[in-house]
């Protein structure tokens, strides 16, 4: 009897650690599924407001978690605007004034080009893998798929936008299907819903991402993936401030 109690006690002691490790592995697999070793994507962004709608097009490149570049290709007034992530540095090329500007961490919470996505959402200055503690807190059905609900709390020293993120990840294909973003007062600010699951670039993934501010009625931003190519070689030398002025 004593042996059984000791065994149960040990299981209770180690289970939170195992759970945390499992949660981090799930998030890592989901992030890798979206990004691959490298990616080249073409996307459309639709910004919806109660009285108007605006559409933009952009192209993105990524290499692992540390390198990414996004160029706006339409409309004409925004075309050529570029955002670059190189390790922890974020740069912005503004063709109208022909200047490269380094973005400080304080700007990561600001809106990306008037959308409901933050600069951090698009250029991913923070890491969902390395900057948070992860914990499985439940499961539910989304899009007819059973999902883990994973709570992410930032590490004390992490420079992140949100005080908490809840993420629902499909248990079959490791797809991120819903995210909830909370501010420093633990108040829900934005919800991202991911849908229209299909095969693109040889991978099963949601191609429609809706970012919805919970307290702004009639307002949302929708990103639609039009094409994607994964795991083709891209040199680190592609991700330079000099190349920002050339990409199309």
C-alpha atoms as a PDB file:
ATOM      1  CA  UNK A   1       0.000   0.000   0.000  1.00  0.00           C
ATOM      2  CA  UNK A   2       2.812   2.357   0.885  1.00  0.00           C
ATOM      3  CA  UNK A   3       4.491   1.548  -2.452  1.00  0.00           C
ATOM      4  CA  UNK A   4       1.278   2.472  -4.315  1.00  0.00           C
ATOM      5  CA  UNK A   5       0.997   5.787  -2.472  1.00  0.00           C
ATOM      6  CA  UNK A   6       4.615   6.647  -3.245  1.00  0.00           C
ATOM      7  CA  UNK A   7       4.082   5.808  -6.926  1.00  0.00           C
ATOM      8  CA  UNK A   8       0.929   7.959  -7.109  1.00  0.00           C
ATOM      9  CA  UNK A   9       2.767  10.780  -5.361  1.00  0.00           C
ATOM     10  CA  UNK A  10       5.580  10.623  -7.886  1.00  0.00           C
ATOM     11  CA  UNK A  11       3.129  10.679 -10.782  1.00  0.00           C
ATOM     12  CA  UNK A  12       1.393  13.713  -9.339  1.00  0.00           C
ATOM     13  CA  UNK A  13       4.741  15.391  -8.850  1.00  0.00           C
ATOM     14  CA  UNK A  14       6.012  14.893 -12.404  1.00  0.00           C
ATOM     15  CA  UNK A  15       2.783  15.256 -14.375  1.00  0.00           C
ATOM     16  CA  UNK A  16       2.825  19.106 -14.587  1.00  0.00           C
ATOM     17  CA  UNK A  17       6.358  18.972 -15.989  1.00  0.00           C
ATOM     18  CA  UNK A  18       5.398  16.373 -18.587  1.00  0.00           C
ATOM     19  CA  UNK A  19       2.278  18.382 -19.478  1.00  0.00           C
ATOM     20  CA  UNK A  20       4.313  21.560 -19.955  1.00  0.00           C
ATOM     21  CA  UNK A  21       6.857  19.752 -22.110  1.00  0.00           C
ATOM     22  CA  UNK A  22       4.110  18.173 -24.217  1.00  0.00           C
ATOM     23  CA  UNK A  23       2.424  21.555 -24.699  1.00  0.00           C
ATOM     24  CA  UNK A  24       5.649  23.161 -25.892  1.00  0.00           C
ATOM     25  CA  UNK A  25       6.253  20.286 -28.301  1.00  0.00           C
ATOM     26  CA  UNK A  26       2.719  20.696 -29.695  1.00  0.00           C
ATOM     27  CA  UNK A  27       3.208  24.446 -30.248  1.00  0.00           C
ATOM     28  CA  UNK A  28       6.619  23.801 -31.840  1.00  0.00           C
ATOM     29  CA  UNK A  29       5.132  21.256 -34.233  1.00  0.00           C
ATOM     30  CA  UNK A  30       2.276  23.607 -35.135  1.00  0.00           C
ATOM     31  CA  UNK A  31       4.681  26.494 -35.797  1.00  0.00           C
ATOM     32  CA  UNK A  32       6.928  24.266 -37.906  1.00  0.00           C
ATOM     33  CA  UNK A  33       3.876  23.150 -39.867  1.00  0.00           C
ATOM     34  CA  UNK A  34       3.096  26.759 -40.826  1.00  0.00           C
ATOM     35  CA  UNK A  35       6.647  27.827 -41.513  1.00  0.00           C
ATOM     36  CA  UNK A  36       8.682  24.840 -42.617  1.00  0.00           C
ATOM     37  CA  UNK A  37      12.434  25.217 -43.026  1.00  0.00           C
ATOM     38  CA  UNK A  38      11.627  28.089 -45.382  1.00  0.00           C
ATOM     39  CA  UNK A  39       8.571  29.518 -47.108  1.00  0.00           C
ATOM     40  CA  UNK A  40       7.529  31.866 -49.886  1.00  0.00           C
ATOM     41  CA  UNK A  41       3.906  32.981 -49.690  1.00  0.00           C
ATOM     42  CA  UNK A  42       1.542  35.336 -51.488  1.00  0.00           C
ATOM     43  CA  UNK A  43      -1.353  36.755 -49.487  1.00  0.00           C
ATOM     44  CA  UNK A  44      -4.301  39.122 -49.679  1.00  0.00           C
ATOM     45  CA  UNK A  45      -5.321  41.278 -46.710  1.00  0.00           C
ATOM     46  CA  UNK A  46      -8.819  42.681 -46.402  1.00  0.00           C
ATOM     47  CA  UNK A  47      -9.382  45.362 -43.763  1.00  0.00           C
ATOM     48  CA  UNK A  48     -13.059  45.724 -42.862  1.00  0.00           C
ATOM     49  CA  UNK A  49     -14.525  48.703 -41.035  1.00  0.00           C
ATOM     50  CA  UNK A  50     -18.173  49.691 -40.455  1.00  0.00           C
ATOM     51  CA  UNK A  51     -18.111  52.232 -43.302  1.00  0.00           C
ATOM     52  CA  UNK A  52     -15.335  51.054 -45.619  1.00  0.00           C
ATOM     53  CA  UNK A  53     -13.199  48.131 -46.790  1.00  0.00           C
ATOM     54  CA  UNK A  54      -9.616  48.178 -48.036  1.00  0.00           C
ATOM     55  CA  UNK A  55      -7.626  45.407 -49.728  1.00  0.00           C
ATOM     56  CA  UNK A  56      -3.865  44.914 -49.860  1.00  0.00           C
ATOM     57  CA  UNK A  57      -1.613  42.260 -51.404  1.00  0.00           C
ATOM     58  CA  UNK A  58       1.755  41.138 -50.098  1.00  0.00           C
ATOM     59  CA  UNK A  59       4.479  38.580 -50.553  1.00  0.00           C
ATOM     60  CA  UNK A  60       6.485  36.997 -47.749  1.00  0.00           C
ATOM     61  CA  UNK A  61       9.673  34.996 -47.313  1.00  0.00           C
ATOM     62  CA  UNK A  62      10.846  33.182 -44.193  1.00  0.00           C
ATOM     63  CA  UNK A  63      13.785  31.036 -43.126  1.00  0.00           C
ATOM     64  CA  UNK A  64      13.276  29.223 -39.854  1.00  0.00           C
ATOM     65  CA  UNK A  65      12.059  31.354 -36.977  1.00  0.00           C
ATOM     66  CA  UNK A  66      14.696  34.076 -37.098  1.00  0.00           C
ATOM     67  CA  UNK A  67      14.434  35.481 -40.625  1.00  0.00           C
ATOM     68  CA  UNK A  68      11.449  36.862 -42.507  1.00  0.00           C
ATOM     69  CA  UNK A  69      10.606  39.575 -45.020  1.00  0.00           C
ATOM     70  CA  UNK A  70       7.262  40.962 -46.176  1.00  0.00           C
ATOM     71  CA  UNK A  71       6.737  43.305 -49.132  1.00  0.00           C
ATOM     72  CA  UNK A  72       3.444  45.035 -49.909  1.00  0.00           C
ATOM     73  CA  UNK A  73       2.669  44.621 -53.628  1.00  0.00           C
ATOM     74  CA  UNK A  74      -0.669  46.493 -53.857  1.00  0.00           C
ATOM     75  CA  UNK A  75      -2.279  49.019 -53.809  1.00  0.00           C
ATOM     76  CA  UNK A  76       0.108  51.322 -55.650  1.00  0.00           C
ATOM     77  CA  UNK A  77       0.356  53.865 -52.819  1.00  0.00           C
ATOM     78  CA  UNK A  78       1.681  51.202 -50.428  1.00  0.00           C
ATOM     79  CA  UNK A  79       3.569  49.009 -52.922  1.00  0.00           C
ATOM     80  CA  UNK A  80       7.238  48.506 -52.100  1.00  0.00           C
ATOM     81  CA  UNK A  81       6.837  48.936 -48.336  1.00  0.00           C
ATOM     82  CA  UNK A  82       8.957  46.213 -46.725  1.00  0.00           C
ATOM     83  CA  UNK A  83       9.293  44.749 -43.243  1.00  0.00           C
ATOM     84  CA  UNK A  84      12.346  42.668 -42.338  1.00  0.00           C
ATOM     85  CA  UNK A  85      13.002  40.489 -39.306  1.00  0.00           C
ATOM     86  CA  UNK A  86      16.622  39.480 -38.838  1.00  0.00           C
ATOM     87  CA  UNK A  87      17.054  37.539 -35.590  1.00  0.00           C
ATOM     88  CA  UNK A  88      15.669  40.065 -33.032  1.00  0.00           C
ATOM     89  CA  UNK A  89      15.932  43.192 -35.186  1.00  0.00           C
ATOM     90  CA  UNK A  90      12.942  44.580 -37.113  1.00  0.00           C
ATOM     91  CA  UNK A  91      13.398  46.974 -40.018  1.00  0.00           C
ATOM     92  CA  UNK A  92      10.966  48.901 -42.238  1.00  0.00           C
ATOM     93  CA  UNK A  93      11.753  50.209 -45.744  1.00  0.00           C
ATOM     94  CA  UNK A  94       9.608  53.216 -46.691  1.00  0.00           C
ATOM     95  CA  UNK A  95       9.897  53.778 -50.452  1.00  0.00           C
ATOM     96  CA  UNK A  96       8.116  57.158 -50.393  1.00  0.00           C
ATOM     97  CA  UNK A  97      10.903  58.708 -48.359  1.00  0.00           C
ATOM     98  CA  UNK A  98      13.553  56.148 -49.348  1.00  0.00           C
ATOM     99  CA  UNK A  99      14.489  55.353 -45.771  1.00  0.00           C
ATOM    100  CA  UNK A 100      15.182  52.201 -43.780  1.00  0.00           C
ATOM    101  CA  UNK A 101      13.888  52.553 -40.222  1.00  0.00           C
ATOM    102  CA  UNK A 102      14.688  50.230 -37.328  1.00  0.00           C
ATOM    103  CA  UNK A 103      11.552  49.545 -35.290  1.00  0.00           C
ATOM    104  CA  UNK A 104      11.966  49.610 -31.489  1.00  0.00           C
ATOM    105  CA  UNK A 105      10.326  46.913 -29.333  1.00  0.00           C
ATOM    106  CA  UNK A 106       7.783  49.503 -28.163  1.00  0.00           C
ATOM    107  CA  UNK A 107       6.243  49.522 -31.660  1.00  0.00           C
ATOM    108  CA  UNK A 108       5.503  45.786 -31.732  1.00  0.00           C
ATOM    109  CA  UNK A 109       2.065  46.309 -30.153  1.00  0.00           C
ATOM    110  CA  UNK A 110       1.043  48.898 -32.734  1.00  0.00           C
ATOM    111  CA  UNK A 111      -1.197  48.182 -35.700  1.00  0.00           C
ATOM    112  CA  UNK A 112       0.493  46.782 -38.802  1.00  0.00           C
ATOM    113  CA  UNK A 113      -0.369  49.235 -41.614  1.00  0.00           C
ATOM    114  CA  UNK A 114      -3.802  50.038 -40.221  1.00  0.00           C
ATOM    115  CA  UNK A 115      -4.921  46.400 -39.847  1.00  0.00           C
ATOM    116  CA  UNK A 116      -6.108  44.582 -36.722  1.00  0.00           C
ATOM    117  CA  UNK A 117      -2.834  42.635 -36.673  1.00  0.00           C
ATOM    118  CA  UNK A 118       0.023  44.049 -34.609  1.00  0.00           C
ATOM    119  CA  UNK A 119       3.527  44.500 -35.974  1.00  0.00           C
ATOM    120  CA  UNK A 120       4.497  41.522 -33.819  1.00  0.00           C
ATOM    121  CA  UNK A 121       1.732  39.348 -35.309  1.00  0.00           C
ATOM    122  CA  UNK A 122       3.079  39.886 -38.826  1.00  0.00           C
ATOM    123  CA  UNK A 123       6.848  40.048 -38.378  1.00  0.00           C
ATOM    124  CA  UNK A 124       6.872  37.731 -35.321  1.00  0.00           C
ATOM    125  CA  UNK A 125       9.492  39.583 -33.314  1.00  0.00           C
ATOM    126  CA  UNK A 126       8.598  37.451 -30.315  1.00  0.00           C
ATOM    127  CA  UNK A 127       8.669  33.665 -30.333  1.00  0.00           C
ATOM    128  CA  UNK A 128       5.649  31.574 -29.381  1.00  0.00           C
ATOM    129  CA  UNK A 129       8.077  28.764 -28.612  1.00  0.00           C
ATOM    130  CA  UNK A 130      10.895  30.452 -26.683  1.00  0.00           C
ATOM    131  CA  UNK A 131       9.174  33.438 -25.019  1.00  0.00           C
ATOM    132  CA  UNK A 132       6.309  31.620 -23.276  1.00  0.00           C
ATOM    133  CA  UNK A 133       5.519  28.896 -20.793  1.00  0.00           C
ATOM    134  CA  UNK A 134       3.011  26.445 -22.286  1.00  0.00           C
ATOM    135  CA  UNK A 135       0.303  24.417 -20.602  1.00  0.00           C
ATOM    136  CA  UNK A 136      -2.515  22.211 -21.896  1.00  0.00           C
ATOM    137  CA  UNK A 137      -5.681  23.436 -20.152  1.00  0.00           C
ATOM    138  CA  UNK A 138      -8.418  21.588 -22.057  1.00  0.00           C
ATOM    139  CA  UNK A 139      -9.710  20.544 -25.447  1.00  0.00           C
ATOM    140  CA  UNK A 140     -12.657  21.309 -27.728  1.00  0.00           C
ATOM    141  CA  UNK A 141     -13.970  20.931 -31.273  1.00  0.00           C
ATOM    142  CA  UNK A 142     -13.177  23.603 -33.883  1.00  0.00           C
ATOM    143  CA  UNK A 143     -13.988  23.163 -37.565  1.00  0.00           C
ATOM    144  CA  UNK A 144     -15.051  19.628 -36.643  1.00  0.00           C
ATOM    145  CA  UNK A 145     -11.543  18.858 -35.389  1.00  0.00           C
ATOM    146  CA  UNK A 146     -10.579  17.931 -31.835  1.00  0.00           C
ATOM    147  CA  UNK A 147      -8.107  20.508 -30.543  1.00  0.00           C
ATOM    148  CA  UNK A 148      -5.841  20.968 -27.556  1.00  0.00           C
ATOM    149  CA  UNK A 149      -6.377  24.261 -25.762  1.00  0.00           C
ATOM    150  CA  UNK A 150      -2.941  25.538 -24.793  1.00  0.00           C
ATOM    151  CA  UNK A 151      -2.385  28.501 -22.499  1.00  0.00           C
ATOM    152  CA  UNK A 152       0.784  30.517 -23.084  1.00  0.00           C
ATOM    153  CA  UNK A 153       2.112  32.841 -20.368  1.00  0.00           C
ATOM    154  CA  UNK A 154       5.177  34.957 -21.206  1.00  0.00           C
ATOM    155  CA  UNK A 155       8.453  34.334 -19.444  1.00  0.00           C
ATOM    156  CA  UNK A 156       9.394  37.108 -16.975  1.00  0.00           C
ATOM    157  CA  UNK A 157      12.128  38.592 -19.177  1.00  0.00           C
ATOM    158  CA  UNK A 158      10.335  38.143 -22.519  1.00  0.00           C
ATOM    159  CA  UNK A 159       9.608  41.256 -24.577  1.00  0.00           C
ATOM    160  CA  UNK A 160       6.130  40.304 -25.785  1.00  0.00           C
ATOM    161  CA  UNK A 161       2.934  42.179 -26.630  1.00  0.00           C
ATOM    162  CA  UNK A 162       0.402  40.016 -24.790  1.00  0.00           C
ATOM    163  CA  UNK A 163       0.111  38.982 -21.142  1.00  0.00           C
ATOM    164  CA  UNK A 164      -1.534  35.693 -22.134  1.00  0.00           C
ATOM    165  CA  UNK A 165      -2.357  33.822 -25.333  1.00  0.00           C
ATOM    166  CA  UNK A 166      -4.753  30.900 -25.618  1.00  0.00           C
ATOM    167  CA  UNK A 167      -4.212  28.689 -28.647  1.00  0.00           C
ATOM    168  CA  UNK A 168      -6.303  25.819 -30.000  1.00  0.00           C
ATOM    169  CA  UNK A 169      -4.260  23.307 -32.027  1.00  0.00           C
ATOM    170  CA  UNK A 170      -5.789  20.463 -34.034  1.00  0.00           C
ATOM    171  CA  UNK A 171      -4.775  17.095 -32.611  1.00  0.00           C
ATOM    172  CA  UNK A 172      -4.517  15.372 -36.001  1.00  0.00           C
ATOM    173  CA  UNK A 173      -2.618  17.768 -38.277  1.00  0.00           C
ATOM    174  CA  UNK A 174      -1.268  20.253 -35.686  1.00  0.00           C
ATOM    175  CA  UNK A 175      -3.130  23.207 -37.197  1.00  0.00           C
ATOM    176  CA  UNK A 176      -3.537  26.458 -35.265  1.00  0.00           C
ATOM    177  CA  UNK A 177      -7.305  27.044 -35.493  1.00  0.00           C
ATOM    178  CA  UNK A 178      -8.018  29.736 -32.900  1.00  0.00           C
ATOM    179  CA  UNK A 179      -6.016  32.177 -30.813  1.00  0.00           C
ATOM    180  CA  UNK A 180      -7.102  34.557 -28.044  1.00  0.00           C
ATOM    181  CA  UNK A 181      -4.920  37.522 -27.067  1.00  0.00           C
ATOM    182  CA  UNK A 182      -5.111  39.154 -23.615  1.00  0.00           C
ATOM    183  CA  UNK A 183      -3.725  42.505 -22.432  1.00  0.00           C
ATOM    184  CA  UNK A 184      -1.847  43.245 -19.192  1.00  0.00           C
ATOM    185  CA  UNK A 185      -5.168  43.472 -17.297  1.00  0.00           C
ATOM    186  CA  UNK A 186      -6.002  39.921 -18.472  1.00  0.00           C
ATOM    187  CA  UNK A 187      -8.725  41.369 -20.697  1.00  0.00           C
ATOM    188  CA  UNK A 188      -9.475  39.644 -24.012  1.00  0.00           C
ATOM    189  CA  UNK A 189      -8.521  42.027 -26.843  1.00  0.00           C
ATOM    190  CA  UNK A 190      -8.345  40.069 -30.104  1.00  0.00           C
ATOM    191  CA  UNK A 191      -9.528  36.701 -31.380  1.00  0.00           C
ATOM    192  CA  UNK A 192      -7.981  35.081 -34.446  1.00  0.00           C
ATOM    193  CA  UNK A 193     -10.048  32.417 -36.209  1.00  0.00           C
ATOM    194  CA  UNK A 194      -8.380  30.166 -38.785  1.00  0.00           C
ATOM    195  CA  UNK A 195     -10.521  28.368 -41.356  1.00  0.00           C
ATOM    196  CA  UNK A 196     -10.825  27.143 -44.949  1.00  0.00           C
ATOM    197  CA  UNK A 197      -8.489  24.181 -44.412  1.00  0.00           C
ATOM    198  CA  UNK A 198      -6.959  22.921 -47.643  1.00  0.00           C
ATOM    199  CA  UNK A 199      -3.714  21.660 -49.147  1.00  0.00           C
ATOM    200  CA  UNK A 200      -1.461  24.511 -50.247  1.00  0.00           C
ATOM    201  CA  UNK A 201       2.209  24.161 -51.091  1.00  0.00           C
ATOM    202  CA  UNK A 202       1.916  20.455 -50.328  1.00  0.00           C
ATOM    203  CA  UNK A 203       0.776  21.134 -46.737  1.00  0.00           C
ATOM    204  CA  UNK A 204      -2.622  20.980 -45.081  1.00  0.00           C
ATOM    205  CA  UNK A 205      -3.275  24.350 -43.452  1.00  0.00           C
ATOM    206  CA  UNK A 206      -5.982  26.983 -42.889  1.00  0.00           C
ATOM    207  CA  UNK A 207      -5.716  29.591 -45.646  1.00  0.00           C
ATOM    208  CA  UNK A 208      -8.080  32.155 -44.081  1.00  0.00           C
ATOM    209  CA  UNK A 209      -7.055  34.008 -40.901  1.00  0.00           C
ATOM    210  CA  UNK A 210      -9.555  36.427 -39.344  1.00  0.00           C
ATOM    211  CA  UNK A 211      -8.350  38.832 -36.645  1.00  0.00           C
ATOM    212  CA  UNK A 212     -11.344  40.218 -34.756  1.00  0.00           C
ATOM    213  CA  UNK A 213     -11.097  42.938 -32.064  1.00  0.00           C
ATOM    214  CA  UNK A 214     -13.669  41.872 -29.480  1.00  0.00           C
ATOM    215  CA  UNK A 215     -14.820  45.378 -28.520  1.00  0.00           C
ATOM    216  CA  UNK A 216     -14.882  46.961 -32.007  1.00  0.00           C
ATOM    217  CA  UNK A 217     -18.127  45.969 -33.661  1.00  0.00           C
ATOM    218  CA  UNK A 218     -18.015  45.574 -37.439  1.00  0.00           C
ATOM    219  CA  UNK A 219     -14.208  45.579 -37.508  1.00  0.00           C
ATOM    220  CA  UNK A 220     -11.896  42.753 -38.606  1.00  0.00           C
ATOM    221  CA  UNK A 221      -8.909  41.960 -40.806  1.00  0.00           C
ATOM    222  CA  UNK A 222      -8.753  38.864 -43.000  1.00  0.00           C
ATOM    223  CA  UNK A 223      -5.539  37.361 -44.389  1.00  0.00           C
ATOM    224  CA  UNK A 224      -5.963  34.848 -47.214  1.00  0.00           C
ATOM    225  CA  UNK A 225      -3.078  32.709 -48.442  1.00  0.00           C
ATOM    226  CA  UNK A 226      -3.166  32.566 -52.248  1.00  0.00           C
ATOM    227  CA  UNK A 227      -0.028  30.467 -52.752  1.00  0.00           C
ATOM    228  CA  UNK A 228       2.799  28.928 -50.737  1.00  0.00           C
ATOM    229  CA  UNK A 229       6.068  27.141 -51.449  1.00  0.00           C
ATOM    230  CA  UNK A 230       7.894  25.435 -48.585  1.00  0.00           C
ATOM    231  CA  UNK A 231      11.419  24.169 -47.938  1.00  0.00           C
ATOM    232  CA  UNK A 232      13.138  25.658 -50.973  1.00  0.00           C
ATOM    233  CA  UNK A 233      16.638  26.979 -50.188  1.00  0.00           C
ATOM    234  CA  UNK A 234      16.796  30.687 -49.252  1.00  0.00           C
ATOM    235  CA  UNK A 235      20.136  32.199 -48.283  1.00  0.00           C
ATOM    236  CA  UNK A 236      20.428  34.193 -45.057  1.00  0.00           C
ATOM    237  CA  UNK A 237      21.989  36.886 -47.270  1.00  0.00           C
ATOM    238  CA  UNK A 238      18.524  37.436 -48.775  1.00  0.00           C
ATOM    239  CA  UNK A 239      17.364  38.903 -45.444  1.00  0.00           C
ATOM    240  CA  UNK A 240      19.361  42.149 -45.427  1.00  0.00           C
ATOM    241  CA  UNK A 241      18.439  45.815 -45.214  1.00  0.00           C
ATOM    242  CA  UNK A 242      20.093  46.314 -48.626  1.00  0.00           C
ATOM    243  CA  UNK A 243      17.790  43.735 -50.219  1.00  0.00           C
ATOM    244  CA  UNK A 244      14.679  45.421 -48.794  1.00  0.00           C
ATOM    245  CA  UNK A 245      14.962  48.032 -51.534  1.00  0.00           C
ATOM    246  CA  UNK A 246      14.981  45.392 -54.301  1.00  0.00           C
ATOM    247  CA  UNK A 247      12.377  42.753 -53.443  1.00  0.00           C
ATOM    248  CA  UNK A 248       9.129  42.579 -55.387  1.00  0.00           C
END
